[in-house]
Amino acid sequence: QLELVESGGGLAQPGGSLTLSCTTSGFMGSYAIAWLRQAPGKEREEVSCISDSDGLTSYADSVKGRFTISRDNGKKTVYLQMSGLKSEDTGVYYCAVAQSVSYLGGRFSCNGFGSGGQGTQVTVSS
């Protein structure tokens, strides 16, 4: 399993933007990578996922149109650009390797995730 390190979190105002980065020293080009988040008192949930090399993506309904996932395999980095932030986006954000992917009805999705890194805190508050 890859060792992943998240960064870029912080405090943002509602409506603001942040960009998270997920980096590794290993080779990530063969893995689909997901961003997950865990809000206080809630279970970890998938936010977005990107395929290994062909740029297929998936998003939770709660972030569609506001978040964009991308990757640069040469830089060994997966990004999560977040805009239009809401208080409910507050939580610890993790990146993790997807254990498998599927393509059903033309829809890409990731299934099962590794433990991820230490996470980066995102707080959305005025």
N, C-alpha and C. Protein backbone atom coordinates (compact mmCIF):
# COMPACT_ATOMS: atom_id res chain seq x y z
N GLN A 1 0.82 -1.20 0.00
CA GLN A 1 0.00 0.00 0.00
C GLN A 1 0.86 1.25 0.00
N LEU A 2 0.37 2.25 -0.70
CA LEU A 2 1.08 3.52 -0.73
C LEU A 2 0.98 4.24 0.60
N GLU A 3 2.02 4.97 0.95
CA GLU A 3 1.95 5.88 2.09
C GLU A 3 1.55 7.23 1.54
N LEU A 4 0.43 7.76 1.99
CA LEU A 4 -0.12 9.00 1.47
C LEU A 4 -0.06 10.09 2.52
N VAL A 5 0.19 11.32 2.08
CA VAL A 5 0.29 12.46 2.98
C VAL A 5 -0.62 13.57 2.46
N GLU A 6 -1.54 14.01 3.31
CA GLU A 6 -2.47 15.06 2.93
C GLU A 6 -1.97 16.42 3.44
N SER A 7 -2.30 17.47 2.71
CA SER A 7 -1.96 18.83 3.13
C SER A 7 -2.93 19.81 2.50
N GLY A 8 -2.89 21.05 2.98
CA GLY A 8 -3.68 22.11 2.37
C GLY A 8 -4.92 22.51 3.13
N GLY A 9 -5.21 21.83 4.20
CA GLY A 9 -6.38 22.19 4.98
C GLY A 9 -6.19 23.50 5.71
N GLY A 10 -7.25 23.96 6.35
CA GLY A 10 -7.18 25.20 7.10
C GLY A 10 -8.57 25.74 7.38
N LEU A 11 -8.60 27.00 7.72
CA LEU A 11 -9.85 27.69 8.02
C LEU A 11 -10.30 28.48 6.81
N ALA A 12 -11.55 28.33 6.43
CA ALA A 12 -12.11 29.08 5.31
C ALA A 12 -13.47 29.60 5.70
N GLN A 13 -13.84 30.71 5.11
CA GLN A 13 -15.16 31.27 5.35
C GLN A 13 -16.17 30.58 4.43
N PRO A 14 -17.42 30.57 4.83
CA PRO A 14 -18.45 30.04 3.93
C PRO A 14 -18.39 30.73 2.57
N GLY A 15 -18.44 29.93 1.53
CA GLY A 15 -18.31 30.45 0.18
C GLY A 15 -16.88 30.52 -0.31
N GLY A 16 -15.93 30.26 0.58
CA GLY A 16 -14.53 30.34 0.23
C GLY A 16 -14.01 29.09 -0.46
N SER A 17 -12.69 29.07 -0.66
CA SER A 17 -12.06 27.98 -1.41
C SER A 17 -10.81 27.48 -0.69
N LEU A 18 -10.53 26.22 -0.89
CA LEU A 18 -9.29 25.59 -0.44
C LEU A 18 -8.91 24.53 -1.46
N THR A 19 -7.62 24.26 -1.58
CA THR A 19 -7.16 23.15 -2.41
C THR A 19 -6.32 22.22 -1.56
N LEU A 20 -6.73 20.98 -1.51
CA LEU A 20 -6.02 19.95 -0.77
C LEU A 20 -5.11 19.18 -1.71
N SER A 21 -4.00 18.69 -1.16
CA SER A 21 -3.06 17.88 -1.92
C SER A 21 -2.82 16.56 -1.21
N CYS A 22 -2.63 15.54 -2.00
CA CYS A 22 -2.33 14.20 -1.49
C CYS A 22 -1.09 13.72 -2.24
N THR A 23 -0.01 13.51 -1.52
CA THR A 23 1.24 13.14 -2.17
C THR A 23 1.76 11.81 -1.63
N THR A 24 2.63 11.20 -2.40
CA THR A 24 3.26 9.95 -1.99
C THR A 24 4.67 9.89 -2.55
N SER A 25 5.50 9.13 -1.89
CA SER A 25 6.85 8.92 -2.41
C SER A 25 6.89 7.70 -3.32
N GLY A 26 5.80 6.92 -3.32
CA GLY A 26 5.74 5.72 -4.14
C GLY A 26 5.16 6.01 -5.50
N PHE A 27 4.85 4.95 -6.24
CA PHE A 27 4.28 5.07 -7.57
C PHE A 27 2.77 4.98 -7.47
N MET A 28 2.07 6.08 -7.75
CA MET A 28 0.62 6.08 -7.60
C MET A 28 -0.11 5.90 -8.91
N GLY A 29 0.62 5.79 -10.00
CA GLY A 29 -0.02 5.76 -11.31
C GLY A 29 -0.92 4.57 -11.56
N SER A 30 -0.81 3.51 -10.75
CA SER A 30 -1.63 2.32 -10.97
C SER A 30 -2.85 2.26 -10.06
N TYR A 31 -3.06 3.32 -9.28
CA TYR A 31 -4.11 3.28 -8.27
C TYR A 31 -5.15 4.37 -8.48
N ALA A 32 -6.41 3.99 -8.31
CA ALA A 32 -7.44 5.00 -8.15
C ALA A 32 -7.31 5.56 -6.74
N ILE A 33 -7.47 6.86 -6.61
CA ILE A 33 -7.30 7.53 -5.32
C ILE A 33 -8.58 8.28 -4.97
N ALA A 34 -8.97 8.18 -3.73
CA ALA A 34 -10.19 8.85 -3.26
C ALA A 34 -9.87 9.86 -2.18
N TRP A 35 -10.70 10.86 -2.10
CA TRP A 35 -10.72 11.75 -0.94
C TRP A 35 -11.93 11.35 -0.09
N LEU A 36 -11.67 11.18 1.19
CA LEU A 36 -12.70 10.86 2.16
C LEU A 36 -12.72 11.97 3.20
N ARG A 37 -13.80 12.10 3.94
CA ARG A 37 -13.81 13.07 5.04
C ARG A 37 -14.60 12.51 6.21
N GLN A 38 -14.26 13.01 7.38
CA GLN A 38 -14.96 12.60 8.58
C GLN A 38 -15.28 13.84 9.41
N ALA A 39 -16.55 14.12 9.56
CA ALA A 39 -16.99 15.23 10.38
C ALA A 39 -17.11 14.76 11.82
N PRO A 40 -17.04 15.68 12.76
CA PRO A 40 -17.16 15.30 14.17
C PRO A 40 -18.44 14.51 14.43
N GLY A 41 -18.30 13.36 15.07
CA GLY A 41 -19.45 12.56 15.42
C GLY A 41 -20.07 11.79 14.29
N LYS A 42 -19.44 11.82 13.12
CA LYS A 42 -20.01 11.13 11.96
C LYS A 42 -19.01 10.11 11.41
N GLU A 43 -19.52 9.22 10.58
CA GLU A 43 -18.67 8.22 9.97
C GLU A 43 -17.92 8.83 8.79
N ARG A 44 -16.81 8.21 8.45
CA ARG A 44 -16.04 8.66 7.30
C ARG A 44 -16.86 8.42 6.04
N GLU A 45 -16.85 9.39 5.15
CA GLU A 45 -17.61 9.28 3.91
C GLU A 45 -16.72 9.61 2.72
N GLU A 46 -17.06 9.00 1.57
CA GLU A 46 -16.34 9.29 0.35
C GLU A 46 -16.78 10.63 -0.20
N VAL A 47 -15.82 11.44 -0.60
CA VAL A 47 -16.11 12.74 -1.19
C VAL A 47 -15.95 12.68 -2.71
N SER A 48 -14.86 12.09 -3.14
CA SER A 48 -14.57 12.05 -4.56
C SER A 48 -13.53 10.98 -4.82
N CYS A 49 -13.47 10.53 -6.08
CA CYS A 49 -12.50 9.51 -6.44
C CYS A 49 -12.08 9.75 -7.88
N ILE A 50 -10.83 9.40 -8.20
CA ILE A 50 -10.32 9.56 -9.55
C ILE A 50 -9.62 8.28 -9.97
N SER A 51 -9.82 7.88 -11.22
CA SER A 51 -9.20 6.67 -11.72
C SER A 51 -7.70 6.84 -11.87
N ASP A 52 -7.01 5.72 -12.15
CA ASP A 52 -5.55 5.74 -12.12
C ASP A 52 -4.94 6.57 -13.23
N SER A 53 -5.44 6.45 -14.46
CA SER A 53 -4.74 7.13 -15.55
C SER A 53 -5.64 7.78 -16.59
N ASP A 54 -6.93 7.47 -16.60
CA ASP A 54 -7.77 8.01 -17.68
C ASP A 54 -8.70 9.13 -17.21
N GLY A 55 -8.50 9.60 -15.99
CA GLY A 55 -9.19 10.80 -15.54
C GLY A 55 -10.66 10.67 -15.22
N LEU A 56 -11.15 9.43 -15.09
CA LEU A 56 -12.55 9.27 -14.70
C LEU A 56 -12.71 9.69 -13.24
N THR A 57 -13.84 10.33 -12.95
CA THR A 57 -14.04 10.85 -11.60
C THR A 57 -15.45 10.53 -11.10
N SER A 58 -15.59 10.57 -9.80
CA SER A 58 -16.91 10.46 -9.17
C SER A 58 -16.95 11.41 -7.99
N TYR A 59 -18.15 11.88 -7.67
CA TYR A 59 -18.34 12.83 -6.59
C TYR A 59 -19.57 12.47 -5.77
N ALA A 60 -19.48 12.74 -4.47
CA ALA A 60 -20.68 12.65 -3.64
C ALA A 60 -21.65 13.74 -4.09
N ASP A 61 -22.93 13.45 -3.98
CA ASP A 61 -23.93 14.44 -4.40
C ASP A 61 -23.77 15.77 -3.67
N SER A 62 -23.32 15.70 -2.43
CA SER A 62 -23.21 16.90 -1.60
C SER A 62 -22.13 17.87 -2.08
N VAL A 63 -21.20 17.39 -2.92
CA VAL A 63 -20.11 18.27 -3.36
C VAL A 63 -20.09 18.48 -4.87
N LYS A 64 -20.97 17.84 -5.61
CA LYS A 64 -21.00 18.00 -7.06
C LYS A 64 -21.18 19.46 -7.43
N GLY A 65 -20.37 19.90 -8.39
CA GLY A 65 -20.45 21.27 -8.84
C GLY A 65 -19.63 22.23 -8.00
N ARG A 66 -19.12 21.77 -6.85
CA ARG A 66 -18.32 22.64 -5.99
C ARG A 66 -16.88 22.14 -5.85
N PHE A 67 -16.69 20.84 -5.86
CA PHE A 67 -15.36 20.25 -5.69
C PHE A 67 -14.89 19.66 -7.01
N THR A 68 -13.58 19.69 -7.24
CA THR A 68 -12.99 19.09 -8.42
C THR A 68 -11.76 18.29 -8.01
N ILE A 69 -11.73 17.03 -8.38
CA ILE A 69 -10.59 16.17 -8.11
C ILE A 69 -9.74 16.08 -9.38
N SER A 70 -8.44 16.07 -9.20
CA SER A 70 -7.54 15.93 -10.34
C SER A 70 -6.26 15.26 -9.85
N ARG A 71 -5.42 14.86 -10.79
CA ARG A 71 -4.16 14.22 -10.39
C ARG A 71 -3.07 14.54 -11.39
N ASP A 72 -1.86 14.53 -10.89
CA ASP A 72 -0.66 14.68 -11.71
C ASP A 72 0.25 13.53 -11.32
N ASN A 73 0.22 12.47 -12.10
CA ASN A 73 1.02 11.28 -11.74
C ASN A 73 2.51 11.56 -11.77
N GLY A 74 2.93 12.49 -12.61
CA GLY A 74 4.34 12.84 -12.64
C GLY A 74 4.80 13.47 -11.33
N LYS A 75 3.90 14.24 -10.72
CA LYS A 75 4.21 14.87 -9.43
C LYS A 75 3.75 14.02 -8.26
N LYS A 76 3.16 12.84 -8.57
CA LYS A 76 2.69 11.92 -7.53
C LYS A 76 1.72 12.63 -6.58
N THR A 77 0.82 13.37 -7.15
CA THR A 77 -0.10 14.18 -6.34
C THR A 77 -1.52 14.10 -6.88
N VAL A 78 -2.46 13.99 -5.96
CA VAL A 78 -3.88 14.11 -6.26
C VAL A 78 -4.39 15.34 -5.54
N TYR A 79 -5.18 16.15 -6.24
CA TYR A 79 -5.67 17.39 -5.69
C TYR A 79 -7.19 17.32 -5.47
N LEU A 80 -7.65 18.12 -4.52
CA LEU A 80 -9.09 18.33 -4.36
C LEU A 80 -9.30 19.84 -4.24
N GLN A 81 -9.83 20.43 -5.32
CA GLN A 81 -10.14 21.84 -5.31
C GLN A 81 -11.55 22.01 -4.78
N MET A 82 -11.68 22.78 -3.72
CA MET A 82 -12.97 22.96 -3.06
C MET A 82 -13.37 24.42 -3.14
N SER A 83 -14.54 24.69 -3.63
CA SER A 83 -15.06 26.05 -3.69
C SER A 83 -16.50 26.05 -3.20
N GLY A 84 -17.02 27.23 -2.97
CA GLY A 84 -18.37 27.31 -2.44
C GLY A 84 -18.52 26.56 -1.14
N LEU A 85 -17.49 26.66 -0.30
CA LEU A 85 -17.47 25.86 0.93
C LEU A 85 -18.63 26.19 1.85
N LYS A 86 -19.12 25.16 2.51
CA LYS A 86 -20.22 25.28 3.46
C LYS A 86 -19.78 24.76 4.81
N SER A 87 -20.48 25.15 5.84
CA SER A 87 -20.11 24.70 7.19
C SER A 87 -20.14 23.17 7.29
N GLU A 88 -21.01 22.55 6.53
CA GLU A 88 -21.11 21.09 6.58
C GLU A 88 -19.94 20.39 5.87
N ASP A 89 -19.06 21.17 5.24
CA ASP A 89 -17.85 20.59 4.66
C ASP A 89 -16.74 20.44 5.71
N THR A 90 -16.97 20.96 6.89
CA THR A 90 -15.99 20.87 7.96
C THR A 90 -15.71 19.41 8.32
N GLY A 91 -14.44 19.10 8.49
CA GLY A 91 -14.06 17.75 8.88
C GLY A 91 -12.60 17.50 8.59
N VAL A 92 -12.16 16.30 8.90
CA VAL A 92 -10.81 15.87 8.55
C VAL A 92 -10.88 15.16 7.21
N TYR A 93 -10.06 15.60 6.29
CA TYR A 93 -10.04 15.05 4.94
C TYR A 93 -8.84 14.12 4.78
N TYR A 94 -9.12 12.94 4.25
CA TYR A 94 -8.10 11.93 4.04
C TYR A 94 -8.07 11.54 2.55
N CYS A 95 -6.91 11.15 2.08
CA CYS A 95 -6.86 10.50 0.78
C CYS A 95 -6.51 9.03 1.01
N ALA A 96 -7.01 8.19 0.15
CA ALA A 96 -6.82 6.76 0.33
C ALA A 96 -6.86 6.06 -1.02
N VAL A 97 -6.18 4.92 -1.08
CA VAL A 97 -6.21 4.10 -2.28
C VAL A 97 -7.54 3.36 -2.36
N ALA A 98 -8.16 3.38 -3.54
CA ALA A 98 -9.38 2.60 -3.74
C ALA A 98 -9.00 1.15 -4.00
N GLN A 99 -9.68 0.23 -3.35
CA GLN A 99 -9.35 -1.18 -3.50
C GLN A 99 -9.84 -1.75 -4.83
N SER A 100 -10.87 -1.17 -5.36
CA SER A 100 -11.36 -1.58 -6.66
C SER A 100 -12.19 -0.45 -7.26
N VAL A 101 -12.41 -0.52 -8.56
CA VAL A 101 -13.26 0.44 -9.24
C VAL A 101 -14.28 -0.31 -10.08
N SER A 102 -15.35 0.35 -10.43
CA SER A 102 -16.36 -0.27 -11.28
C SER A 102 -16.91 0.74 -12.27
N TYR A 103 -17.43 0.21 -13.36
CA TYR A 103 -18.04 1.03 -14.40
C TYR A 103 -19.41 0.41 -14.69
N LEU A 104 -20.44 0.98 -14.13
CA LEU A 104 -21.79 0.45 -14.29
C LEU A 104 -22.66 1.50 -14.94
N GLY A 105 -23.25 1.16 -16.07
CA GLY A 105 -24.12 2.11 -16.76
C GLY A 105 -23.39 3.38 -17.12
N GLY A 106 -22.10 3.25 -17.44
CA GLY A 106 -21.31 4.42 -17.80
C GLY A 106 -20.87 5.26 -16.62
N ARG A 107 -21.13 4.79 -15.44
CA ARG A 107 -20.77 5.56 -14.25
C ARG A 107 -19.58 4.92 -13.56
N PHE A 108 -18.57 5.72 -13.32
CA PHE A 108 -17.36 5.28 -12.64
C PHE A 108 -17.56 5.40 -11.13
N SER A 109 -17.11 4.41 -10.37
CA SER A 109 -17.16 4.52 -8.93
C SER A 109 -16.03 3.72 -8.30
N CYS A 110 -15.64 4.09 -7.11
CA CYS A 110 -14.59 3.43 -6.37
C CYS A 110 -15.21 2.66 -5.21
N ASN A 111 -14.59 1.54 -4.87
CA ASN A 111 -15.16 0.65 -3.87
C ASN A 111 -14.10 0.20 -2.87
N GLY A 112 -14.34 0.43 -1.61
CA GLY A 112 -13.40 -0.01 -0.59
C GLY A 112 -12.16 0.85 -0.60
N PHE A 113 -11.71 1.24 0.57
CA PHE A 113 -10.58 2.15 0.64
C PHE A 113 -9.60 1.71 1.72
N GLY A 114 -8.33 2.02 1.47
CA GLY A 114 -7.32 1.82 2.49
C GLY A 114 -7.49 2.82 3.61
N SER A 115 -6.62 2.74 4.57
CA SER A 115 -6.77 3.57 5.77
C SER A 115 -6.45 5.03 5.53
N GLY A 116 -5.70 5.36 4.50
CA GLY A 116 -5.37 6.75 4.25
C GLY A 116 -4.25 7.26 5.14
N GLY A 117 -3.97 8.57 4.98
CA GLY A 117 -2.91 9.18 5.76
C GLY A 117 -3.41 9.73 7.08
N GLN A 118 -2.70 10.74 7.59
CA GLN A 118 -3.06 11.36 8.87
C GLN A 118 -4.23 12.31 8.74
N GLY A 119 -4.48 12.76 7.52
CA GLY A 119 -5.59 13.67 7.30
C GLY A 119 -5.20 15.12 7.44
N THR A 120 -6.04 15.99 6.91
CA THR A 120 -5.84 17.43 7.04
C THR A 120 -7.19 18.06 7.42
N GLN A 121 -7.15 18.94 8.41
CA GLN A 121 -8.38 19.51 8.94
C GLN A 121 -8.87 20.65 8.07
N VAL A 122 -10.14 20.61 7.73
CA VAL A 122 -10.81 21.70 7.03
C VAL A 122 -11.91 22.22 7.93
N THR A 123 -11.86 23.50 8.20
CA THR A 123 -12.89 24.13 9.03
C THR A 123 -13.50 25.28 8.25
N VAL A 124 -14.81 25.22 8.09
CA VAL A 124 -15.51 26.28 7.38
C VAL A 124 -16.38 27.02 8.39
N SER A 125 -16.00 28.26 8.63
CA SER A 125 -16.68 29.04 9.66
C SER A 125 -16.47 30.52 9.41
N SER A 126 -17.45 31.31 9.78
CA SER A 126 -17.31 32.76 9.67
C SER A 126 -16.78 33.34 10.98
